[in-house]
Amino acid sequence: MKTFFFSDPHFGHYNIIEYQNRPFQTTEEMDAVMIENWNRVVTPNDHVYLLGDVSLHTPKKTHEILHQLQGTITLVLGNHDNRAELEKTGRFDLVSPYPILYDNFFLLSHEPIFVNEQCPFCNIYGHTHRNKFENTLLHVNVCAECVDYTPIPFDEVRKIVKERLLKYNAMKNKATSTIQ
């Protein structure tokens, strides 16, 4: 079983194509690509943390799309999500209006949460789409646009964070040795 993260698919949201310069002509094309990408990497035995802004389709169409996706899904609600309607789909093992702590270090949220070197967490989030906040040391943006419209595996997120921390510590050690 693998764990994946994904945020802000915005299934059925035509304007997101223009707002975020998504490479699709129609919502049907966008939805089909994200469903295909999801099912290409996620198996029925895998788990996906979906970090909000699921769909702007009707509840019926949203239900149809969600039931095409493989794996079990935990949802952290986004600002465009209707909790009652999404719970009715029966597709989520948990629908949380609050951030979730994963593996004692990764704080999963829809919107970015302030963390820094003194804070003992790494924030995996969505909401900001292509905004560059994700390039900070302890933040990983898993919005659809930032992960090529495909859920990203936990191992890859862990690798990204580890490389950032190693690079940061090397720079800090170099600066410290230069001062001494």
N, C-alpha and C. Protein backbone atom coordinates (compact mmCIF):
# COMPACT_ATOMS: atom_id res chain seq x y z
N MET A 1 0.84 -1.19 0.00
CA MET A 1 0.00 0.00 0.00
C MET A 1 0.88 1.25 0.00
N LYS A 2 0.60 2.16 -0.91
CA LYS A 2 1.30 3.44 -0.98
C LYS A 2 0.35 4.56 -0.55
N THR A 3 0.95 5.67 -0.13
CA THR A 3 0.19 6.86 0.23
C THR A 3 0.52 7.96 -0.77
N PHE A 4 -0.52 8.69 -1.18
CA PHE A 4 -0.39 9.78 -2.14
C PHE A 4 -1.06 11.04 -1.60
N PHE A 5 -0.67 12.19 -2.19
CA PHE A 5 -1.28 13.47 -1.86
C PHE A 5 -1.67 14.18 -3.15
N PHE A 6 -2.78 14.91 -3.08
CA PHE A 6 -3.28 15.64 -4.26
C PHE A 6 -4.22 16.72 -3.76
N SER A 7 -4.26 17.84 -4.46
CA SER A 7 -5.15 18.92 -4.05
C SER A 7 -5.66 19.69 -5.26
N ASP A 8 -6.82 20.26 -5.07
CA ASP A 8 -7.41 21.21 -6.01
C ASP A 8 -7.61 20.68 -7.43
N PRO A 9 -8.21 19.50 -7.57
CA PRO A 9 -8.52 19.07 -8.94
C PRO A 9 -9.55 19.98 -9.60
N HIS A 10 -10.45 20.54 -8.81
CA HIS A 10 -11.50 21.42 -9.36
C HIS A 10 -12.21 20.75 -10.55
N PHE A 11 -12.57 19.48 -10.38
CA PHE A 11 -13.31 18.81 -11.45
C PHE A 11 -14.50 19.68 -11.87
N GLY A 12 -14.68 19.82 -13.18
CA GLY A 12 -15.83 20.56 -13.71
C GLY A 12 -15.75 22.07 -13.62
N HIS A 13 -14.63 22.62 -13.22
CA HIS A 13 -14.50 24.08 -13.05
C HIS A 13 -13.85 24.68 -14.29
N TYR A 14 -14.66 25.19 -15.18
CA TYR A 14 -14.15 25.71 -16.45
C TYR A 14 -13.19 26.89 -16.23
N ASN A 15 -13.54 27.80 -15.34
CA ASN A 15 -12.72 29.01 -15.17
C ASN A 15 -11.32 28.71 -14.63
N ILE A 16 -11.16 27.59 -13.91
CA ILE A 16 -9.82 27.27 -13.39
C ILE A 16 -8.84 27.01 -14.53
N ILE A 17 -9.37 26.56 -15.66
CA ILE A 17 -8.50 26.33 -16.82
C ILE A 17 -7.84 27.64 -17.23
N GLU A 18 -8.63 28.70 -17.27
CA GLU A 18 -8.09 30.02 -17.63
C GLU A 18 -7.30 30.64 -16.48
N TYR A 19 -7.87 30.60 -15.27
CA TYR A 19 -7.21 31.22 -14.11
C TYR A 19 -5.80 30.68 -13.90
N GLN A 20 -5.63 29.38 -14.05
CA GLN A 20 -4.35 28.74 -13.76
C GLN A 20 -3.61 28.29 -15.01
N ASN A 21 -4.11 28.71 -16.15
CA ASN A 21 -3.47 28.36 -17.42
C ASN A 21 -3.27 26.84 -17.54
N ARG A 22 -4.31 26.10 -17.15
CA ARG A 22 -4.24 24.64 -17.28
C ARG A 22 -4.27 24.26 -18.76
N PRO A 23 -3.55 23.23 -19.14
CA PRO A 23 -3.38 22.89 -20.56
C PRO A 23 -4.55 22.07 -21.14
N PHE A 24 -5.77 22.52 -20.88
CA PHE A 24 -6.94 21.79 -21.36
C PHE A 24 -7.88 22.75 -22.09
N GLN A 25 -8.62 22.21 -23.04
CA GLN A 25 -9.59 23.02 -23.78
C GLN A 25 -10.96 23.01 -23.11
N THR A 26 -11.30 21.90 -22.46
CA THR A 26 -12.62 21.75 -21.85
C THR A 26 -12.50 21.11 -20.48
N THR A 27 -13.56 21.22 -19.68
CA THR A 27 -13.56 20.55 -18.39
C THR A 27 -13.62 19.03 -18.56
N GLU A 28 -14.27 18.58 -19.62
CA GLU A 28 -14.32 17.13 -19.88
C GLU A 28 -12.92 16.57 -20.10
N GLU A 29 -12.12 17.29 -20.88
CA GLU A 29 -10.74 16.87 -21.12
C GLU A 29 -9.94 16.90 -19.83
N MET A 30 -10.07 17.99 -19.06
CA MET A 30 -9.35 18.13 -17.80
C MET A 30 -9.72 17.00 -16.84
N ASP A 31 -11.02 16.76 -16.69
CA ASP A 31 -11.47 15.70 -15.78
C ASP A 31 -10.92 14.35 -16.22
N ALA A 32 -11.01 14.05 -17.51
CA ALA A 32 -10.56 12.75 -18.03
C ALA A 32 -9.06 12.55 -17.79
N VAL A 33 -8.27 13.59 -18.00
CA VAL A 33 -6.82 13.47 -17.79
C VAL A 33 -6.52 13.23 -16.32
N MET A 34 -7.17 13.96 -15.42
CA MET A 34 -6.88 13.77 -13.99
C MET A 34 -7.35 12.41 -13.50
N ILE A 35 -8.48 11.93 -13.99
CA ILE A 35 -8.95 10.58 -13.62
C ILE A 35 -7.96 9.53 -14.13
N GLU A 36 -7.53 9.68 -15.37
CA GLU A 36 -6.57 8.74 -15.95
C GLU A 36 -5.24 8.77 -15.20
N ASN A 37 -4.74 9.97 -14.91
CA ASN A 37 -3.47 10.10 -14.18
C ASN A 37 -3.58 9.48 -12.79
N TRP A 38 -4.68 9.76 -12.11
CA TRP A 38 -4.91 9.21 -10.76
C TRP A 38 -4.84 7.69 -10.82
N ASN A 39 -5.62 7.09 -11.72
CA ASN A 39 -5.71 5.63 -11.79
C ASN A 39 -4.46 4.97 -12.35
N ARG A 40 -3.61 5.75 -13.01
CA ARG A 40 -2.34 5.23 -13.52
C ARG A 40 -1.36 5.00 -12.37
N VAL A 41 -1.42 5.84 -11.33
CA VAL A 41 -0.44 5.72 -10.23
C VAL A 41 -1.04 5.14 -8.95
N VAL A 42 -2.32 5.32 -8.73
CA VAL A 42 -2.98 4.85 -7.50
C VAL A 42 -3.66 3.52 -7.78
N THR A 43 -3.36 2.52 -6.95
CA THR A 43 -4.01 1.21 -7.10
C THR A 43 -5.19 1.13 -6.12
N PRO A 44 -6.04 0.14 -6.25
CA PRO A 44 -7.14 -0.02 -5.30
C PRO A 44 -6.69 -0.17 -3.85
N ASN A 45 -5.46 -0.64 -3.62
CA ASN A 45 -4.95 -0.83 -2.26
C ASN A 45 -4.27 0.41 -1.68
N ASP A 46 -4.13 1.47 -2.46
CA ASP A 46 -3.43 2.68 -2.02
C ASP A 46 -4.36 3.64 -1.31
N HIS A 47 -3.75 4.65 -0.68
CA HIS A 47 -4.52 5.66 0.05
C HIS A 47 -4.11 7.05 -0.46
N VAL A 48 -5.11 7.89 -0.69
CA VAL A 48 -4.86 9.26 -1.15
C VAL A 48 -5.44 10.25 -0.15
N TYR A 49 -4.62 11.22 0.23
CA TYR A 49 -5.10 12.36 0.99
C TYR A 49 -5.40 13.46 -0.02
N LEU A 50 -6.68 13.77 -0.18
CA LEU A 50 -7.14 14.80 -1.11
C LEU A 50 -7.35 16.06 -0.30
N LEU A 51 -6.57 17.10 -0.60
CA LEU A 51 -6.53 18.29 0.25
C LEU A 51 -7.42 19.42 -0.27
N GLY A 52 -8.62 19.06 -0.67
CA GLY A 52 -9.65 20.05 -0.90
C GLY A 52 -9.87 20.51 -2.32
N ASP A 53 -10.96 21.27 -2.45
CA ASP A 53 -11.46 21.82 -3.72
C ASP A 53 -11.61 20.72 -4.76
N VAL A 54 -12.50 19.80 -4.45
CA VAL A 54 -12.70 18.60 -5.23
C VAL A 54 -13.37 18.87 -6.56
N SER A 55 -14.56 19.50 -6.53
CA SER A 55 -15.36 19.56 -7.75
C SER A 55 -16.34 20.73 -7.73
N LEU A 56 -16.59 21.26 -8.90
CA LEU A 56 -17.65 22.23 -9.06
C LEU A 56 -18.80 21.66 -9.89
N HIS A 57 -18.75 20.36 -10.15
CA HIS A 57 -19.85 19.67 -10.84
C HIS A 57 -21.06 19.59 -9.92
N THR A 58 -22.16 19.12 -10.48
CA THR A 58 -23.34 18.81 -9.68
C THR A 58 -22.98 17.67 -8.73
N PRO A 59 -23.72 17.50 -7.65
CA PRO A 59 -23.44 16.38 -6.75
C PRO A 59 -23.45 15.03 -7.48
N LYS A 60 -24.36 14.84 -8.41
CA LYS A 60 -24.45 13.57 -9.13
C LYS A 60 -23.18 13.32 -9.95
N LYS A 61 -22.74 14.33 -10.70
CA LYS A 61 -21.54 14.18 -11.53
C LYS A 61 -20.29 14.02 -10.65
N THR A 62 -20.23 14.74 -9.55
CA THR A 62 -19.11 14.60 -8.61
C THR A 62 -19.06 13.17 -8.09
N HIS A 63 -20.21 12.62 -7.72
CA HIS A 63 -20.31 11.24 -7.25
C HIS A 63 -19.76 10.28 -8.31
N GLU A 64 -20.14 10.48 -9.56
CA GLU A 64 -19.68 9.62 -10.66
C GLU A 64 -18.16 9.67 -10.80
N ILE A 65 -17.60 10.87 -10.75
CA ILE A 65 -16.15 11.02 -10.89
C ILE A 65 -15.42 10.36 -9.72
N LEU A 66 -15.86 10.64 -8.51
CA LEU A 66 -15.18 10.10 -7.33
C LEU A 66 -15.18 8.58 -7.33
N HIS A 67 -16.23 7.99 -7.84
CA HIS A 67 -16.31 6.52 -7.86
C HIS A 67 -15.52 5.90 -9.01
N GLN A 68 -14.93 6.73 -9.86
CA GLN A 68 -14.00 6.23 -10.88
C GLN A 68 -12.57 6.17 -10.37
N LEU A 69 -12.30 6.84 -9.25
CA LEU A 69 -10.94 6.95 -8.72
C LEU A 69 -10.59 5.75 -7.85
N GLN A 70 -9.41 5.19 -8.07
CA GLN A 70 -8.95 4.03 -7.31
C GLN A 70 -8.43 4.46 -5.94
N GLY A 71 -8.36 3.49 -5.03
CA GLY A 71 -7.80 3.71 -3.70
C GLY A 71 -8.82 4.22 -2.71
N THR A 72 -8.41 4.24 -1.45
CA THR A 72 -9.24 4.89 -0.43
C THR A 72 -8.82 6.35 -0.35
N ILE A 73 -9.76 7.19 0.05
CA ILE A 73 -9.50 8.63 0.02
C ILE A 73 -9.90 9.27 1.34
N THR A 74 -8.99 10.06 1.89
CA THR A 74 -9.28 10.94 3.03
C THR A 74 -9.33 12.35 2.48
N LEU A 75 -10.38 13.08 2.83
CA LEU A 75 -10.55 14.44 2.33
C LEU A 75 -10.36 15.46 3.45
N VAL A 76 -9.49 16.42 3.21
CA VAL A 76 -9.42 17.62 4.04
C VAL A 76 -10.17 18.68 3.23
N LEU A 77 -11.25 19.19 3.80
CA LEU A 77 -12.12 20.10 3.06
C LEU A 77 -11.40 21.37 2.61
N GLY A 78 -11.74 21.80 1.40
CA GLY A 78 -11.25 23.06 0.86
C GLY A 78 -12.34 24.11 0.88
N ASN A 79 -11.98 25.31 0.50
CA ASN A 79 -12.93 26.43 0.56
C ASN A 79 -14.06 26.32 -0.45
N HIS A 80 -13.93 25.49 -1.48
CA HIS A 80 -15.00 25.30 -2.46
C HIS A 80 -15.82 24.04 -2.20
N ASP A 81 -15.54 23.32 -1.13
CA ASP A 81 -16.18 22.03 -0.89
C ASP A 81 -17.42 22.16 -0.02
N ASN A 82 -18.43 21.36 -0.35
CA ASN A 82 -19.65 21.25 0.44
C ASN A 82 -19.57 19.93 1.19
N ARG A 83 -19.31 20.01 2.48
CA ARG A 83 -19.09 18.81 3.28
C ARG A 83 -20.24 17.81 3.17
N ALA A 84 -21.46 18.29 3.35
CA ALA A 84 -22.62 17.39 3.34
C ALA A 84 -22.74 16.66 2.00
N GLU A 85 -22.57 17.39 0.90
CA GLU A 85 -22.69 16.76 -0.42
C GLU A 85 -21.57 15.75 -0.66
N LEU A 86 -20.36 16.09 -0.25
CA LEU A 86 -19.24 15.18 -0.46
C LEU A 86 -19.35 13.94 0.43
N GLU A 87 -19.83 14.10 1.65
CA GLU A 87 -20.02 12.94 2.52
C GLU A 87 -21.07 11.99 1.93
N LYS A 88 -22.09 12.54 1.27
CA LYS A 88 -23.15 11.72 0.67
C LYS A 88 -22.62 10.80 -0.42
N THR A 89 -21.46 11.13 -1.00
CA THR A 89 -20.92 10.28 -2.07
C THR A 89 -20.49 8.93 -1.53
N GLY A 90 -20.23 8.85 -0.24
CA GLY A 90 -19.78 7.61 0.35
C GLY A 90 -18.38 7.21 -0.10
N ARG A 91 -17.65 8.15 -0.64
CA ARG A 91 -16.35 7.85 -1.25
C ARG A 91 -15.17 8.05 -0.32
N PHE A 92 -15.37 8.75 0.79
CA PHE A 92 -14.26 9.11 1.66
C PHE A 92 -14.28 8.31 2.95
N ASP A 93 -13.09 7.86 3.40
CA ASP A 93 -13.04 7.19 4.69
C ASP A 93 -13.11 8.21 5.82
N LEU A 94 -12.76 9.47 5.51
CA LEU A 94 -12.85 10.57 6.47
C LEU A 94 -12.98 11.87 5.70
N VAL A 95 -13.85 12.75 6.19
CA VAL A 95 -13.96 14.11 5.66
C VAL A 95 -13.67 15.03 6.83
N SER A 96 -12.54 15.71 6.76
CA SER A 96 -12.10 16.54 7.88
C SER A 96 -12.12 18.03 7.53
N PRO A 97 -12.74 18.83 8.38
CA PRO A 97 -12.68 20.28 8.18
C PRO A 97 -11.38 20.87 8.73
N TYR A 98 -10.56 20.01 9.36
CA TYR A 98 -9.33 20.46 10.03
C TYR A 98 -8.11 19.79 9.42
N PRO A 99 -6.94 20.40 9.59
CA PRO A 99 -5.71 19.75 9.15
C PRO A 99 -5.52 18.41 9.85
N ILE A 100 -4.75 17.53 9.21
CA ILE A 100 -4.48 16.20 9.72
C ILE A 100 -2.96 16.04 9.86
N LEU A 101 -2.52 15.48 10.98
CA LEU A 101 -1.10 15.19 11.17
C LEU A 101 -0.82 13.79 10.63
N TYR A 102 0.12 13.71 9.71
CA TYR A 102 0.47 12.43 9.08
C TYR A 102 1.91 12.08 9.41
N ASP A 103 2.14 10.89 9.83
CA ASP A 103 3.49 10.37 10.10
C ASP A 103 4.27 11.26 11.07
N ASN A 104 3.57 11.85 12.02
CA ASN A 104 4.14 12.66 13.10
C ASN A 104 4.96 13.87 12.68
N PHE A 105 4.96 14.21 11.39
CA PHE A 105 5.78 15.33 10.93
C PHE A 105 5.09 16.15 9.83
N PHE A 106 4.18 15.55 9.11
CA PHE A 106 3.57 16.20 7.96
C PHE A 106 2.17 16.67 8.31
N LEU A 107 1.97 17.98 8.24
CA LEU A 107 0.69 18.59 8.56
C LEU A 107 -0.05 18.82 7.24
N LEU A 108 -1.15 18.08 7.05
CA LEU A 108 -1.91 18.13 5.79
C LEU A 108 -3.04 19.12 5.93
N SER A 109 -3.08 20.11 5.03
CA SER A 109 -4.12 21.13 5.10
C SER A 109 -4.50 21.58 3.70
N HIS A 110 -5.66 22.23 3.60
CA HIS A 110 -6.02 22.78 2.31
C HIS A 110 -5.20 24.04 2.05
N GLU A 111 -5.26 24.99 2.95
CA GLU A 111 -4.50 26.23 2.81
C GLU A 111 -3.16 26.08 3.52
N PRO A 112 -2.13 26.79 3.03
CA PRO A 112 -0.83 26.70 3.70
C PRO A 112 -0.92 27.22 5.14
N ILE A 113 -0.15 26.58 5.99
CA ILE A 113 -0.06 26.95 7.40
C ILE A 113 1.37 27.40 7.65
N PHE A 114 1.54 28.47 8.41
CA PHE A 114 2.89 28.97 8.67
C PHE A 114 3.68 27.96 9.50
N VAL A 115 4.80 27.55 8.96
CA VAL A 115 5.77 26.73 9.69
C VAL A 115 7.15 27.28 9.34
N ASN A 116 8.10 27.07 10.22
CA ASN A 116 9.48 27.46 9.93
C ASN A 116 10.42 26.47 10.60
N GLU A 117 11.71 26.76 10.62
CA GLU A 117 12.70 25.82 11.13
C GLU A 117 12.47 25.47 12.60
N GLN A 118 11.83 26.36 13.36
CA GLN A 118 11.59 26.09 14.77
C GLN A 118 10.29 25.29 14.98
N CYS A 119 9.49 25.16 13.97
CA CYS A 119 8.22 24.44 14.05
C CYS A 119 8.47 22.98 13.64
N PRO A 120 8.01 22.03 14.42
CA PRO A 120 8.37 20.63 14.15
C PRO A 120 7.53 19.93 13.08
N PHE A 121 7.03 20.67 12.09
CA PHE A 121 6.18 20.08 11.06
C PHE A 121 6.57 20.53 9.66
N CYS A 122 6.22 19.71 8.70
CA CYS A 122 6.27 20.09 7.29
C CYS A 122 4.83 20.17 6.83
N ASN A 123 4.45 21.23 6.17
CA ASN A 123 3.08 21.43 5.72
C ASN A 123 2.92 21.00 4.26
N ILE A 124 2.06 20.02 4.04
CA ILE A 124 1.65 19.61 2.70
C ILE A 124 0.28 20.22 2.49
N TYR A 125 0.12 20.97 1.43
CA TYR A 125 -1.09 21.78 1.28
C TYR A 125 -1.44 21.97 -0.19
N GLY A 126 -2.55 22.67 -0.40
CA GLY A 126 -3.00 23.05 -1.73
C GLY A 126 -3.40 24.51 -1.74
N HIS A 127 -4.51 24.81 -2.38
CA HIS A 127 -5.18 26.11 -2.38
C HIS A 127 -4.50 27.20 -3.20
N THR A 128 -3.19 27.30 -3.16
CA THR A 128 -2.50 28.43 -3.79
C THR A 128 -2.20 28.21 -5.27
N HIS A 129 -2.47 27.02 -5.75
CA HIS A 129 -2.22 26.64 -7.15
C HIS A 129 -0.76 26.85 -7.50
N ARG A 130 -0.43 27.74 -8.41
CA ARG A 130 0.97 27.90 -8.85
C ARG A 130 1.75 28.96 -8.07
N ASN A 131 1.15 29.55 -7.06
CA ASN A 131 1.87 30.57 -6.31
C ASN A 131 3.12 29.97 -5.69
N LYS A 132 4.16 30.73 -5.54
CA LYS A 132 5.49 30.22 -5.21
C LYS A 132 5.72 29.97 -3.72
N PHE A 133 4.71 30.04 -2.90
CA PHE A 133 4.86 29.77 -1.48
C PHE A 133 5.43 28.37 -1.25
N GLU A 134 5.19 27.46 -2.21
CA GLU A 134 5.61 26.07 -2.02
C GLU A 134 7.11 25.89 -2.00
N ASN A 135 7.88 26.90 -2.35
CA ASN A 135 9.32 26.74 -2.40
C ASN A 135 10.02 27.01 -1.08
N THR A 136 9.25 27.18 0.00
CA THR A 136 9.90 27.35 1.29
C THR A 136 10.37 26.00 1.81
N LEU A 137 11.21 26.03 2.80
CA LEU A 137 11.87 24.83 3.31
C LEU A 137 10.90 23.73 3.74
N LEU A 138 9.88 24.07 4.49
CA LEU A 138 9.00 23.07 5.09
C LEU A 138 7.57 23.13 4.56
N HIS A 139 7.42 23.43 3.29
CA HIS A 139 6.11 23.43 2.64
C HIS A 139 6.21 22.67 1.33
N VAL A 140 5.19 21.86 1.05
CA VAL A 140 5.12 21.16 -0.24
C VAL A 140 3.72 21.38 -0.79
N ASN A 141 3.65 22.04 -1.93
CA ASN A 141 2.39 22.34 -2.59
C ASN A 141 2.02 21.17 -3.51
N VAL A 142 0.87 20.55 -3.25
CA VAL A 142 0.43 19.41 -4.05
C VAL A 142 -0.80 19.74 -4.89
N CYS A 143 -0.97 21.02 -5.22
CA CYS A 143 -2.04 21.42 -6.14
C CYS A 143 -1.84 20.72 -7.47
N ALA A 144 -2.94 20.46 -8.14
CA ALA A 144 -2.91 19.74 -9.41
C ALA A 144 -1.85 20.31 -10.36
N GLU A 145 -1.77 21.62 -10.46
CA GLU A 145 -0.83 22.24 -11.39
C GLU A 145 0.63 21.99 -11.01
N CYS A 146 0.90 21.83 -9.72
CA CYS A 146 2.27 21.67 -9.24
C CYS A 146 2.76 20.23 -9.30
N VAL A 147 1.84 19.28 -9.48
CA VAL A 147 2.23 17.86 -9.50
C VAL A 147 1.77 17.21 -10.81
N ASP A 148 1.74 18.01 -11.86
CA ASP A 148 1.41 17.52 -13.20
C ASP A 148 0.08 16.77 -13.25
N TYR A 149 -0.90 17.27 -12.48
CA TYR A 149 -2.28 16.74 -12.50
C TYR A 149 -2.33 15.27 -12.12
N THR A 150 -1.40 14.85 -11.25
CA THR A 150 -1.26 13.45 -10.84
C THR A 150 -0.95 13.40 -9.35
N PRO A 151 -1.64 12.57 -8.58
CA PRO A 151 -1.29 12.44 -7.16
C PRO A 151 0.20 12.11 -7.00
N ILE A 152 0.81 12.73 -5.99
CA ILE A 152 2.24 12.55 -5.75
C ILE A 152 2.43 11.56 -4.60
N PRO A 153 3.32 10.59 -4.77
CA PRO A 153 3.54 9.61 -3.70
C PRO A 153 4.26 10.21 -2.50
N PHE A 154 3.94 9.67 -1.32
CA PHE A 154 4.57 10.13 -0.09
C PHE A 154 6.09 10.01 -0.16
N ASP A 155 6.60 8.94 -0.75
CA ASP A 155 8.06 8.78 -0.85
C ASP A 155 8.70 9.95 -1.60
N GLU A 156 8.02 10.45 -2.63
CA GLU A 156 8.55 11.59 -3.38
C GLU A 156 8.51 12.87 -2.54
N VAL A 157 7.43 13.06 -1.80
CA VAL A 157 7.33 14.23 -0.91
C VAL A 157 8.44 14.17 0.13
N ARG A 158 8.62 13.02 0.73
CA ARG A 158 9.66 12.85 1.74
C ARG A 158 11.04 13.15 1.15
N LYS A 159 11.28 12.71 -0.08
CA LYS A 159 12.56 12.96 -0.76
C LYS A 159 12.76 14.47 -0.99
N ILE A 160 11.73 15.15 -1.42
CA ILE A 160 11.81 16.61 -1.64
C ILE A 160 12.19 17.31 -0.35
N VAL A 161 11.50 16.96 0.73
CA VAL A 161 11.75 17.61 2.03
C VAL A 161 13.16 17.28 2.52
N LYS A 162 13.56 16.04 2.40
CA LYS A 162 14.90 15.63 2.85
C LYS A 162 15.98 16.40 2.08
N GLU A 163 15.83 16.51 0.76
CA GLU A 163 16.81 17.26 -0.04
C GLU A 163 16.86 18.72 0.36
N ARG A 164 15.71 19.31 0.61
CA ARG A 164 15.68 20.72 1.05
C ARG A 164 16.37 20.89 2.39
N LEU A 165 16.08 19.99 3.32
CA LEU A 165 16.69 20.08 4.65
C LEU A 165 18.20 19.88 4.59
N LEU A 166 18.67 18.92 3.78
CA LEU A 166 20.11 18.70 3.63
C LEU A 166 20.78 19.93 3.03
N LYS A 167 20.17 20.51 2.01
CA LYS A 167 20.72 21.70 1.38
C LYS A 167 20.75 22.88 2.37
N TYR A 168 19.68 23.04 3.11
CA TYR A 168 19.59 24.11 4.10
C TYR A 168 20.67 23.94 5.18
N ASN A 169 20.80 22.71 5.69
CA ASN A 169 21.79 22.45 6.74
C ASN A 169 23.21 22.64 6.22
N ALA A 170 23.46 22.26 4.98
CA ALA A 170 24.79 22.46 4.39
C ALA A 170 25.10 23.95 4.27
N MET A 171 24.13 24.73 3.81
CA MET A 171 24.33 26.19 3.71
C MET A 171 24.54 26.80 5.09
N LYS A 172 23.78 26.35 6.06
CA LYS A 172 23.90 26.87 7.42
C LYS A 172 25.27 26.52 8.00
N ASN A 173 25.73 25.30 7.80
CA ASN A 173 27.04 24.88 8.29
C ASN A 173 28.16 25.65 7.60
N LYS A 174 28.02 25.89 6.30
CA LYS A 174 29.04 26.66 5.56
C LYS A 174 29.10 28.09 6.08
N ALA A 175 27.93 28.69 6.32
CA ALA A 175 27.90 30.05 6.86
C ALA A 175 28.51 30.10 8.25
N THR A 176 28.23 29.11 9.06
CA THR A 176 28.77 29.07 10.42
C THR A 176 30.28 28.91 10.39
N SER A 177 30.80 28.02 9.53
CA SER A 177 32.25 27.82 9.47
C SER A 177 32.96 29.04 8.88
N THR A 178 32.31 29.77 8.00
CA THR A 178 32.90 30.97 7.42
C THR A 178 33.02 32.07 8.48
N ILE A 179 32.05 32.14 9.36
CA ILE A 179 32.06 33.17 10.41
C ILE A 179 33.13 32.87 11.44
N GLN A 180 33.37 31.59 11.72
CA GLN A 180 34.33 31.22 12.79
C GLN A 180 35.70 31.40 12.31
